[in-house]
Amino acid sequence: MGIVSLLPPILAVILAVVTKNVVISLFSGTYFGVLLLVGGRPLEATMETIGNYLFPQVADSYNAAVLVLLFFIGGFVALMEKSGGGAALAEKATNFINTRVKAQLAAWFGGVLIFFSDIGTPLIVGPVFEKVFDKAKISREKLAWIIDSTSSPVAVLIPFIGWGVYIMGLIKNEFDLLNITTSEFSTLVKVIPFQFYAILAVTMVPLMAIAKLDFGPMAKAERRIQQTGALYWPTSTPLRKAEEGEDMTKGSHSSLILLPLLVLFITLFGLLVSFGFPIKPVPGNDFRIALSTAYLFAAITIVILMLIYKVKKFNEIFSIYTLGMQKMVYVAITLVLAWSLGKVINEMGTANFIVEVMQGNVPAFIIPAILFLVGAGMALASGTSWGTFAIMLPIAIPMAVALDAHLLVCIGAVLSGGIFGDHCSPISDTTILSSTGAGADHIDHVKTQFPYALLNGSIALVGFIVAGITGSALTLLLTVVLLVLAVILLSKLNARKYKKGVGV
């Protein structure tokens, strides 16, 4: 349909920015695309949208399996968050903390350990470590940055949690349309080395802590608390006061997180090995069955432990589990609408039109860099990385195939762009939750994190240009080396300016 085929995804992007609501954006883009396909007849478009785009997505056996899996994950994550196991484990770690470096590394490790929930990381790690950071004279802004860097950047790298299942669902849909038989699980695993931004964000925390380096507004915040002891600037308004945090360590045990995770890993990888992993590619259906089984067994384990330790009564535990399932309804709706929009823009030939315009005019190696920048801009404006994935992947995957760009690099570029934009966005839910969990002023968190995110984003952009040319996963090493060199250089410049009394 030519240039008209760009209208549905553009509408979805605009509405995502204006409404900050992914469901409204995806549904509107889908409906508008169907309206164009049926010749502008509203009633017919409504019936077509429901009958031929929404219903088939839910009825599809693969899609149904993904939705069921999401509910298993939602219930398990809710139990893990409410059991207090993560907080108890973090509390134990604080007993060994006696230096600023150890405090930052402990908070970083705690954030990485709670990989199963990007929302759980700030709300569990933040309240536990805030007093430790105050005692060590480390700013609340630094704590907010650490937990923000170990929430979504960690979650997007794990293929067997809700994030991975969501992304694999989007990839699988496009692979089916393009008749690509490669497993979406093996594809996402191979994409991990090309998720430059997420890996750089996670790597930067221990690097800065061990080297005792800071720059930009973060350096000012660190000097403030070290020189004056002030937790906040005079104009700051923290999103959460210390006493507002729920103390989840009372009567809790670290085994409530360790044992269920152990059961999860043993069950999952035990079943995957029986299917031939890692020698043979595991079929998507077998992977989903193994993952669902693993999450079910892990949930049963944590229920038994919560009863043994008398954390809560059985009815309360079961209520937590079902409420966790209910929280995944929004994710399920988002996926169904994303699949529907992908089908619409495929029928309209959106990707084909973009390919025709770019073919011969834009070299294939630069496409990953373009996808990264577009994804970052969209996530920054809308505050949602998931919405960015839903709109960008159905365009990026067929475009990469048609223009002979490196497919894995292009997928990694979309994911990295979404996380980068999300990290910089003041309206992102994980950014807000990180400010809340750390008890920091939200604007102070955004201001201090932005230079760090921008540094990682700039290096990631260079990485995608290089990877676009080579297609090599070794490009990841280049980005890490560039990060180390850049941090050292900026910190030396900052120290020199600080000695002159101007700071940065």
Protein backbone atom coordinates (compact mmCIF):
# COMPACT_ATOMS: atom_id res chain seq x y z
CA MET A 1 0.00 0.00 0.00
CA GLY A 2 3.01 2.28 -0.39
CA ILE A 3 3.53 5.21 1.94
CA VAL A 4 0.06 4.70 3.43
CA SER A 5 1.37 1.52 5.06
CA LEU A 6 3.49 3.68 7.38
CA LEU A 7 0.44 5.28 8.99
CA PRO A 8 -0.56 2.49 11.46
CA PRO A 9 2.87 2.18 13.14
CA ILE A 10 3.29 5.97 13.11
CA LEU A 11 -0.12 6.36 14.76
CA ALA A 12 0.84 3.74 17.36
CA VAL A 13 4.06 5.63 18.14
CA ILE A 14 2.32 9.01 18.42
CA LEU A 15 -0.38 7.62 20.71
CA ALA A 16 2.24 5.82 22.83
CA VAL A 17 3.96 9.17 23.36
CA VAL A 18 0.74 11.12 24.01
CA THR A 19 -1.24 8.61 26.10
CA LYS A 20 1.67 6.70 27.72
CA ASN A 21 -0.59 3.66 27.24
CA VAL A 22 0.71 0.73 25.17
CA VAL A 23 -2.65 -1.05 24.90
CA ILE A 24 -4.47 1.99 23.49
CA SER A 25 -1.60 2.68 21.11
CA LEU A 26 -1.35 -0.85 19.72
CA PHE A 27 -5.11 -1.30 19.39
CA SER A 28 -5.51 2.05 17.62
CA GLY A 29 -2.69 1.26 15.21
CA THR A 30 -4.20 -2.15 14.48
CA TYR A 31 -7.72 -0.82 13.98
CA PHE A 32 -6.58 2.05 11.77
CA GLY A 33 -4.58 -0.36 9.61
CA VAL A 34 -7.59 -2.65 9.20
CA LEU A 35 -9.75 0.40 8.42
CA LEU A 36 -7.41 1.22 5.54
CA LEU A 37 -7.41 -2.41 4.37
CA VAL A 38 -11.24 -2.58 4.19
CA GLY A 39 -11.59 0.72 2.39
CA GLY A 40 -12.58 2.99 5.27
CA ARG A 41 -15.74 1.19 6.49
CA PRO A 42 -15.72 1.56 10.32
CA LEU A 43 -18.18 -1.22 11.23
CA GLU A 44 -16.53 -3.74 8.93
CA ALA A 45 -13.11 -2.68 10.25
CA THR A 46 -14.26 -3.29 13.83
CA MET A 47 -15.58 -6.75 13.02
CA GLU A 48 -12.45 -7.60 11.01
CA THR A 49 -10.16 -6.40 13.80
CA ILE A 50 -11.92 -8.61 16.34
CA GLY A 51 -12.70 -11.62 14.17
CA ASN A 52 -9.67 -11.87 11.88
CA TYR A 53 -6.89 -10.25 13.89
CA LEU A 54 -7.55 -10.53 17.64
CA PHE A 55 -9.37 -13.88 17.87
CA PRO A 56 -6.88 -15.83 15.70
CA GLN A 57 -3.95 -14.58 17.81
CA VAL A 58 -5.48 -16.00 20.99
CA ALA A 59 -6.66 -19.22 19.29
CA ASP A 60 -3.22 -19.98 17.85
CA SER A 61 -1.67 -22.87 19.81
CA TYR A 62 1.74 -21.22 20.03
CA ASN A 63 0.32 -17.92 21.24
CA ALA A 64 -1.93 -19.65 23.76
CA ALA A 65 1.08 -21.52 25.17
CA VAL A 66 2.97 -18.23 25.58
CA LEU A 67 0.02 -16.63 27.40
CA VAL A 68 -0.30 -19.61 29.78
CA LEU A 69 3.45 -19.48 30.43
CA LEU A 70 3.20 -15.78 31.30
CA PHE A 71 0.61 -16.57 33.97
CA PHE A 72 2.90 -19.21 35.52
CA ILE A 73 5.71 -16.64 35.59
CA GLY A 74 3.46 -13.94 37.06
CA GLY A 75 2.36 -16.14 39.96
CA PHE A 76 5.91 -17.22 40.77
CA VAL A 77 7.32 -13.68 40.67
CA ALA A 78 4.57 -12.44 43.01
CA LEU A 79 5.43 -15.15 45.54
CA MET A 80 9.13 -14.33 45.34
CA GLU A 81 8.49 -10.64 45.90
CA LYS A 82 6.12 -11.13 48.84
CA SER A 83 8.05 -13.92 50.57
CA GLY A 84 10.73 -11.53 51.80
CA GLY A 85 13.48 -13.91 50.66
CA GLY A 86 15.20 -11.34 48.47
CA ALA A 87 15.17 -8.71 51.23
CA ALA A 88 16.44 -11.25 53.78
CA LEU A 89 19.31 -12.23 51.48
CA ALA A 90 20.22 -8.59 50.86
CA GLU A 91 20.03 -7.92 54.62
CA LYS A 92 22.53 -10.72 55.25
CA ALA A 93 24.87 -9.24 52.69
CA THR A 94 24.92 -5.95 54.58
CA ASN A 95 26.69 -7.66 57.49
CA PHE A 96 29.87 -7.87 55.41
CA ILE A 97 29.80 -4.30 54.14
CA ASN A 98 32.34 -1.93 55.64
CA THR A 99 33.49 0.17 52.67
CA ARG A 100 31.91 2.35 50.00
CA VAL A 101 33.06 -0.05 47.27
CA LYS A 102 31.55 -3.07 49.01
CA ALA A 103 28.26 -1.24 49.55
CA GLN A 104 27.91 -0.45 45.84
CA LEU A 105 28.97 -3.93 44.74
CA ALA A 106 26.56 -5.54 47.23
CA ALA A 107 23.63 -3.45 45.93
CA TRP A 108 24.65 -4.30 42.36
CA PHE A 109 24.86 -8.00 43.16
CA GLY A 110 21.49 -7.88 44.88
CA GLY A 111 19.94 -6.27 41.80
CA VAL A 112 21.46 -8.89 39.49
CA LEU A 113 20.32 -11.71 41.77
CA ILE A 114 16.70 -10.55 41.63
CA PHE A 115 16.74 -10.97 37.85
CA PHE A 116 13.25 -12.45 37.72
CA SER A 117 11.51 -9.10 38.23
CA ASP A 118 12.54 -5.71 36.88
CA ILE A 119 9.93 -4.15 39.18
CA GLY A 120 11.02 -6.21 42.18
CA THR A 121 14.65 -5.08 41.96
CA PRO A 122 14.14 -1.42 42.97
CA LEU A 123 11.40 -2.16 45.50
CA ILE A 124 13.41 -4.89 47.26
CA VAL A 125 17.02 -3.77 46.93
CA GLY A 126 16.41 -0.03 47.38
CA PRO A 127 14.76 -0.04 50.85
CA VAL A 128 17.24 -2.63 52.18
CA PHE A 129 20.36 -0.76 51.07
CA GLU A 130 19.33 2.86 51.62
CA LYS A 131 20.54 2.90 55.26
CA VAL A 132 23.75 1.14 54.25
CA PHE A 133 24.41 3.80 51.62
CA ASP A 134 23.57 6.60 54.06
CA LYS A 135 26.04 5.19 56.59
CA ALA A 136 28.75 4.81 53.93
CA LYS A 137 28.01 8.35 52.68
CA ILE A 138 26.94 7.27 49.22
CA SER A 139 24.24 9.37 47.59
CA ARG A 140 20.66 8.22 47.11
CA GLU A 141 21.12 9.16 43.45
CA LYS A 142 23.89 6.58 43.19
CA LEU A 143 21.63 3.92 44.76
CA ALA A 144 18.82 4.79 42.32
CA TRP A 145 21.24 4.49 39.38
CA ILE A 146 22.54 1.11 40.58
CA ILE A 147 19.07 -0.44 40.97
CA ASP A 148 17.92 1.11 37.68
CA SER A 149 20.96 -0.42 35.97
CA THR A 150 20.14 -3.87 37.35
CA SER A 151 16.40 -3.89 36.68
CA SER A 152 15.39 -3.79 33.00
CA PRO A 153 18.99 -4.09 31.66
CA VAL A 154 19.34 -7.42 33.51
CA ALA A 155 15.80 -8.60 32.78
CA VAL A 156 16.16 -8.12 29.01
CA LEU A 157 19.23 -10.39 29.01
CA ILE A 158 17.43 -13.37 30.60
CA PRO A 159 15.59 -15.46 27.98
CA PHE A 160 13.50 -17.54 30.39
CA ILE A 161 11.65 -14.82 32.36
CA GLY A 162 8.67 -12.66 31.35
CA TRP A 163 10.81 -10.28 29.28
CA GLY A 164 12.33 -13.12 27.25
CA VAL A 165 8.99 -14.85 26.71
CA TYR A 166 7.47 -11.56 25.53
CA ILE A 167 10.32 -10.84 23.09
CA MET A 168 10.36 -14.43 21.79
CA GLY A 169 6.64 -14.13 21.10
CA LEU A 170 7.28 -11.08 18.90
CA ILE A 171 10.21 -12.77 17.12
CA LYS A 172 8.28 -16.00 16.52
CA ASN A 173 5.39 -14.11 14.92
CA GLU A 174 7.71 -12.47 12.40
CA PHE A 175 9.63 -15.68 11.74
CA ASP A 176 6.37 -17.45 10.89
CA LEU A 177 5.39 -14.71 8.45
CA LEU A 178 8.82 -14.93 6.79
CA ASN A 179 8.90 -18.76 6.85
CA ILE A 180 12.01 -18.76 9.04
CA THR A 181 12.28 -22.08 10.88
CA THR A 182 14.98 -21.09 13.38
CA SER A 183 13.93 -21.47 17.01
CA GLU A 184 13.02 -18.17 18.66
CA PHE A 185 14.74 -19.37 21.86
CA SER A 186 18.09 -20.06 20.17
CA THR A 187 17.72 -16.78 18.27
CA LEU A 188 17.24 -14.75 21.46
CA VAL A 189 20.19 -16.51 23.11
CA LYS A 190 22.38 -15.62 20.12
CA VAL A 191 21.16 -12.01 20.29
CA ILE A 192 22.46 -11.58 23.86
CA PRO A 193 26.04 -10.58 22.82
CA PHE A 194 24.50 -7.86 20.63
CA GLN A 195 22.50 -6.27 23.43
CA PHE A 196 25.27 -3.74 23.84
CA TYR A 197 23.44 -1.12 25.88
CA ALA A 198 22.05 -3.51 28.49
CA ILE A 199 25.42 -5.22 28.98
CA LEU A 200 27.24 -1.88 29.22
CA ALA A 201 24.72 -0.58 31.77
CA VAL A 202 25.17 -3.63 33.98
CA THR A 203 28.98 -3.62 33.55
CA MET A 204 29.36 0.07 34.31
CA VAL A 205 28.24 -0.24 37.94
CA PRO A 206 31.07 -2.46 39.28
CA LEU A 207 33.52 -0.67 37.01
CA MET A 208 32.68 2.72 38.54
CA ALA A 209 32.58 1.32 42.07
CA ILE A 210 35.94 -0.46 41.95
CA ALA A 211 37.69 2.42 40.17
CA LYS A 212 36.01 4.94 42.55
CA LEU A 213 35.07 7.09 39.58
CA ASP A 214 32.18 9.48 38.98
CA PHE A 215 31.41 12.31 36.59
CA GLY A 216 28.71 14.81 35.77
CA PRO A 217 25.85 15.54 38.22
CA MET A 218 26.54 12.22 39.95
CA ALA A 219 29.98 13.48 41.02
CA LYS A 220 28.32 16.57 42.51
CA ALA A 221 25.81 14.42 44.39
CA GLU A 222 28.62 12.27 45.78
CA ARG A 223 30.59 15.33 46.90
CA ARG A 224 27.44 16.72 48.55
CA ILE A 225 26.90 13.74 50.83
CA GLN A 226 30.59 13.20 51.56
CA GLN A 227 31.33 16.84 52.40
CA THR A 228 28.05 17.89 54.05
CA GLY A 229 26.30 14.61 54.91
CA ALA A 230 23.15 15.90 53.20
CA LEU A 231 21.07 13.10 51.65
CA TYR A 232 19.31 15.54 49.29
CA TRP A 233 19.68 18.91 47.69
CA PRO A 234 17.66 21.67 49.43
CA THR A 235 15.11 21.66 46.59
CA SER A 236 14.79 17.86 46.37
CA THR A 237 11.57 15.97 47.09
CA PRO A 238 12.15 12.21 47.50
CA LEU A 239 9.44 9.95 46.10
CA ARG A 240 9.48 7.80 49.24
CA LYS A 241 10.48 8.46 52.81
CA ALA A 242 12.41 5.75 54.65
CA GLU A 243 9.59 4.86 57.02
CA GLU A 244 7.19 4.26 54.12
CA GLY A 245 9.07 1.17 52.94
CA GLU A 246 7.65 -2.20 53.96
CA ASP A 247 10.09 -4.17 56.11
CA MET A 248 10.07 -7.57 54.40
CA THR A 249 13.02 -9.00 56.35
CA LYS A 250 11.15 -9.75 59.57
CA GLY A 251 10.69 -13.49 59.99
CA SER A 252 12.02 -14.12 56.49
CA HIS A 253 14.78 -16.43 55.29
CA SER A 254 17.15 -16.20 52.34
CA SER A 255 16.29 -19.81 51.45
CA LEU A 256 12.92 -18.48 50.31
CA ILE A 257 14.69 -17.10 47.25
CA LEU A 258 17.65 -19.44 46.86
CA LEU A 259 15.88 -22.82 46.98
CA PRO A 260 13.02 -21.94 44.57
CA LEU A 261 15.56 -20.51 42.10
CA LEU A 262 17.64 -23.67 42.44
CA VAL A 263 14.57 -25.81 41.71
CA LEU A 264 13.75 -23.54 38.75
CA PHE A 265 17.22 -23.90 37.22
CA ILE A 266 17.55 -27.64 37.84
CA THR A 267 14.10 -28.37 36.39
CA LEU A 268 14.48 -26.08 33.39
CA PHE A 269 17.96 -27.10 32.31
CA GLY A 270 17.39 -30.73 33.23
CA LEU A 271 14.42 -30.88 30.87
CA LEU A 272 16.23 -28.87 28.18
CA VAL A 273 19.19 -31.28 28.31
CA SER A 274 16.76 -34.17 27.84
CA PHE A 275 15.62 -32.41 24.65
CA GLY A 276 19.21 -32.23 23.39
CA PHE A 277 20.25 -28.77 24.63
CA PRO A 278 22.84 -27.33 24.01
CA ILE A 279 23.94 -29.71 21.23
CA LYS A 280 20.61 -29.69 19.44
CA PRO A 281 18.26 -26.72 19.01
CA VAL A 282 15.28 -27.07 21.34
CA PRO A 283 11.91 -26.72 19.56
CA GLY A 284 9.90 -23.75 20.81
CA ASN A 285 7.03 -25.87 22.11
CA ASP A 286 9.37 -28.11 24.13
CA PHE A 287 11.05 -25.02 25.58
CA ARG A 288 7.72 -23.52 26.68
CA ILE A 289 6.65 -26.81 28.29
CA ALA A 290 9.97 -27.07 30.15
CA LEU A 291 9.76 -23.46 31.29
CA SER A 292 6.15 -23.77 32.45
CA THR A 293 7.03 -26.94 34.38
CA ALA A 294 10.05 -25.27 35.97
CA TYR A 295 8.06 -22.24 37.14
CA LEU A 296 5.28 -24.47 38.50
CA PHE A 297 7.73 -26.62 40.51
CA ALA A 298 9.53 -23.50 41.77
CA ALA A 299 6.22 -21.97 42.86
CA ILE A 300 5.25 -25.15 44.71
CA THR A 301 8.65 -25.05 46.45
CA ILE A 302 8.23 -21.48 47.64
CA VAL A 303 4.66 -22.19 48.82
CA ILE A 304 5.92 -25.10 50.95
CA LEU A 305 8.75 -22.95 52.37
CA MET A 306 6.41 -20.07 53.19
CA LEU A 307 4.19 -22.52 55.08
CA ILE A 308 7.14 -24.11 56.91
CA TYR A 309 8.53 -20.72 57.98
CA LYS A 310 4.99 -19.48 58.71
CA VAL A 311 5.49 -16.40 56.55
CA LYS A 312 1.81 -16.38 55.59
CA LYS A 313 -1.22 -18.66 55.73
CA PHE A 314 -2.08 -20.86 52.74
CA ASN A 315 -5.09 -18.77 51.67
CA GLU A 316 -2.93 -15.63 51.67
CA ILE A 317 -0.20 -17.39 49.70
CA PHE A 318 -2.67 -18.67 47.12
CA SER A 319 -4.17 -15.18 46.85
CA ILE A 320 -0.70 -13.73 46.20
CA TYR A 321 -0.12 -16.33 43.47
CA THR A 322 -3.41 -15.63 41.68
CA LEU A 323 -2.93 -11.86 41.98
CA GLY A 324 0.48 -12.30 40.38
CA MET A 325 -1.22 -14.11 37.51
CA GLN A 326 -3.71 -11.26 37.17
CA LYS A 327 -0.86 -8.76 36.83
CA MET A 328 0.20 -10.58 33.66
CA VAL A 329 -3.12 -9.87 31.98
CA TYR A 330 -1.84 -6.48 30.83
CA VAL A 331 1.25 -8.14 29.36
CA ALA A 332 -0.92 -10.77 27.66
CA ILE A 333 -3.17 -8.09 26.13
CA THR A 334 -0.09 -6.19 24.97
CA LEU A 335 1.28 -9.30 23.26
CA VAL A 336 -2.00 -10.13 21.51
CA LEU A 337 -2.27 -6.56 20.21
CA ALA A 338 1.39 -6.56 19.16
CA TRP A 339 0.85 -9.78 17.21
CA SER A 340 -2.25 -8.24 15.60
CA LEU A 341 -0.45 -5.03 14.61
CA GLY A 342 2.40 -7.11 13.20
CA LYS A 343 -0.07 -9.02 11.03
CA VAL A 344 -1.70 -5.79 9.84
CA ILE A 345 1.51 -4.04 8.83
CA ASN A 346 2.67 -7.25 7.14
CA GLU A 347 -0.49 -7.34 5.01
CA MET A 348 -0.12 -3.64 4.24
CA GLY A 349 3.49 -4.19 3.19
CA THR A 350 5.01 -1.66 5.59
CA ALA A 351 8.39 -3.37 5.78
CA ASN A 352 8.40 -3.96 2.03
CA PHE A 353 7.81 -0.26 1.39
CA ILE A 354 10.64 0.73 3.74
CA VAL A 355 12.91 -1.78 2.02
CA GLU A 356 12.08 -0.36 -1.43
CA VAL A 357 12.86 3.16 -0.24
CA MET A 358 16.12 2.18 1.47
CA GLN A 359 17.40 -0.35 -1.07
CA GLY A 360 20.33 1.13 -2.94
CA ASN A 361 20.15 4.34 -0.88
CA VAL A 362 21.09 3.11 2.58
CA PRO A 363 23.95 0.62 3.08
CA ALA A 364 22.90 -2.52 4.96
CA PHE A 365 25.60 -2.14 7.63
CA ILE A 366 24.11 1.12 8.94
CA ILE A 367 20.60 -0.35 9.50
CA PRO A 368 21.29 -1.61 13.05
CA ALA A 369 22.49 1.86 14.07
CA ILE A 370 19.35 3.42 12.58
CA LEU A 371 17.11 0.92 14.40
CA PHE A 372 18.94 1.65 17.65
CA LEU A 373 18.42 5.40 17.34
CA VAL A 374 14.77 5.14 16.30
CA GLY A 375 14.05 2.68 19.12
CA ALA A 376 15.80 4.93 21.64
CA GLY A 377 13.86 7.98 20.51
CA MET A 378 10.55 6.15 20.73
CA ALA A 379 11.24 4.70 24.18
CA LEU A 380 12.48 8.05 25.45
CA ALA A 381 9.32 9.82 24.33
CA SER A 382 6.85 7.12 25.34
CA GLY A 383 8.57 5.77 28.46
CA THR A 384 8.02 2.16 27.40
CA SER A 385 10.58 -0.31 26.12
CA TRP A 386 7.97 -3.06 25.68
CA GLY A 387 5.85 -0.85 23.45
CA THR A 388 8.98 -0.02 21.45
CA PHE A 389 9.72 -3.72 20.96
CA ALA A 390 6.12 -4.40 19.89
CA ILE A 391 6.16 -1.73 17.18
CA MET A 392 9.79 -1.96 16.04
CA LEU A 393 10.46 -5.71 15.80
CA PRO A 394 7.72 -6.39 13.19
CA ILE A 395 9.41 -3.77 11.02
CA ALA A 396 13.05 -4.48 11.85
CA ILE A 397 13.07 -8.25 11.29
CA PRO A 398 11.62 -8.34 7.73
CA MET A 399 13.67 -5.24 6.87
CA ALA A 400 16.90 -6.94 8.00
CA VAL A 401 16.06 -10.06 5.98
CA ALA A 402 15.13 -8.14 2.81
CA LEU A 403 18.12 -5.78 2.93
CA ASP A 404 20.55 -8.56 3.88
CA ALA A 405 21.52 -6.85 7.13
CA HIS A 406 22.72 -8.96 10.05
CA LEU A 407 19.47 -10.19 11.62
CA LEU A 408 20.81 -10.85 15.13
CA VAL A 409 22.47 -7.44 15.23
CA CYS A 410 19.24 -5.74 14.12
CA ILE A 411 17.20 -7.47 16.82
CA GLY A 412 19.84 -6.54 19.39
CA ALA A 413 19.70 -2.93 18.16
CA VAL A 414 15.93 -2.71 18.73
CA LEU A 415 16.23 -4.20 22.23
CA SER A 416 19.17 -1.96 23.13
CA GLY A 417 17.44 1.13 21.76
CA GLY A 418 14.35 0.38 23.83
CA ILE A 419 16.34 -0.04 27.05
CA PHE A 420 18.50 3.05 26.36
CA GLY A 421 15.47 5.28 25.73
CA ASP A 422 13.69 3.81 28.72
CA HIS A 423 16.71 4.57 30.93
CA CYS A 424 16.76 8.20 29.85
CA SER A 425 13.00 8.73 30.07
CA PRO A 426 11.61 10.49 33.16
CA ILE A 427 8.21 8.90 32.49
CA SER A 428 9.49 5.29 32.38
CA ASP A 429 7.97 3.07 35.06
CA THR A 430 11.32 1.48 35.96
CA THR A 431 12.96 4.93 36.24
CA ILE A 432 10.19 6.09 38.57
CA LEU A 433 10.34 2.87 40.61
CA SER A 434 14.11 3.21 40.96
CA SER A 435 13.69 6.71 42.40
CA THR A 436 10.98 5.34 44.70
CA GLY A 437 12.98 2.31 45.84
CA ALA A 438 16.07 4.40 46.61
CA GLY A 439 14.05 7.13 48.32
CA ALA A 440 15.57 9.64 45.88
CA ASP A 441 14.21 12.73 44.19
CA HIS A 442 13.02 11.61 40.77
CA ILE A 443 14.43 14.52 38.78
CA ASP A 444 17.75 14.20 40.61
CA HIS A 445 17.84 10.51 39.61
CA VAL A 446 17.09 11.31 35.97
CA LYS A 447 19.71 14.09 35.87
CA THR A 448 22.46 12.02 37.46
CA GLN A 449 21.74 8.89 35.41
CA PHE A 450 21.41 10.59 32.03
CA PRO A 451 25.15 11.25 31.41
CA TYR A 452 25.96 7.64 32.31
CA ALA A 453 23.20 6.38 30.02
CA LEU A 454 24.32 8.72 27.24
CA LEU A 455 27.89 7.45 27.50
CA ASN A 456 26.73 3.83 27.25
CA GLY A 457 24.33 4.72 24.43
CA SER A 458 27.06 6.45 22.42
CA ILE A 459 29.37 3.46 22.78
CA ALA A 460 26.51 1.10 21.88
CA LEU A 461 25.90 3.15 18.71
CA VAL A 462 29.54 2.70 17.70
CA GLY A 463 29.17 -0.99 18.47
CA PHE A 464 26.16 -1.35 16.19
CA ILE A 465 27.99 0.35 13.33
CA VAL A 466 30.92 -2.05 13.74
CA ALA A 467 28.66 -5.09 14.24
CA GLY A 468 26.61 -4.00 11.24
CA ILE A 469 29.76 -4.39 9.16
CA THR A 470 31.22 -7.51 10.75
CA GLY A 471 28.23 -9.32 12.28
CA SER A 472 30.67 -10.53 14.93
CA ALA A 473 29.71 -11.03 18.58
CA LEU A 474 33.28 -10.06 19.44
CA THR A 475 32.16 -6.46 18.93
CA LEU A 476 30.91 -6.69 22.51
CA LEU A 477 34.52 -6.75 23.73
CA LEU A 478 35.20 -3.56 21.79
CA THR A 479 32.28 -1.77 23.48
CA VAL A 480 33.43 -2.83 26.95
CA VAL A 481 36.98 -1.64 26.25
CA LEU A 482 35.62 1.69 24.99
CA LEU A 483 33.55 2.04 28.15
CA VAL A 484 36.60 1.49 30.38
CA LEU A 485 38.66 4.02 28.44
CA ALA A 486 35.85 6.59 28.36
CA VAL A 487 35.14 6.36 32.09
CA ILE A 488 38.82 6.79 32.95
CA LEU A 489 39.18 9.77 30.62
CA LEU A 490 36.04 11.54 31.84
CA SER A 491 36.93 10.98 35.46
CA LYS A 492 40.40 12.43 34.99
CA LEU A 493 38.90 15.47 33.30
CA ASN A 494 36.44 15.81 36.17
CA ALA A 495 39.20 15.57 38.77
CA ARG A 496 41.23 18.21 36.97
CA LYS A 497 38.26 20.62 36.83
CA TYR A 498 37.42 19.92 40.46
CA LYS A 499 40.94 20.87 41.53
CA LYS A 500 40.45 24.19 39.74
CA GLY A 501 37.23 24.67 41.71
CA VAL A 502 34.77 24.50 38.83
CA GLY A 503 33.65 20.84 38.92
CA VAL A 504 31.37 19.39 36.27
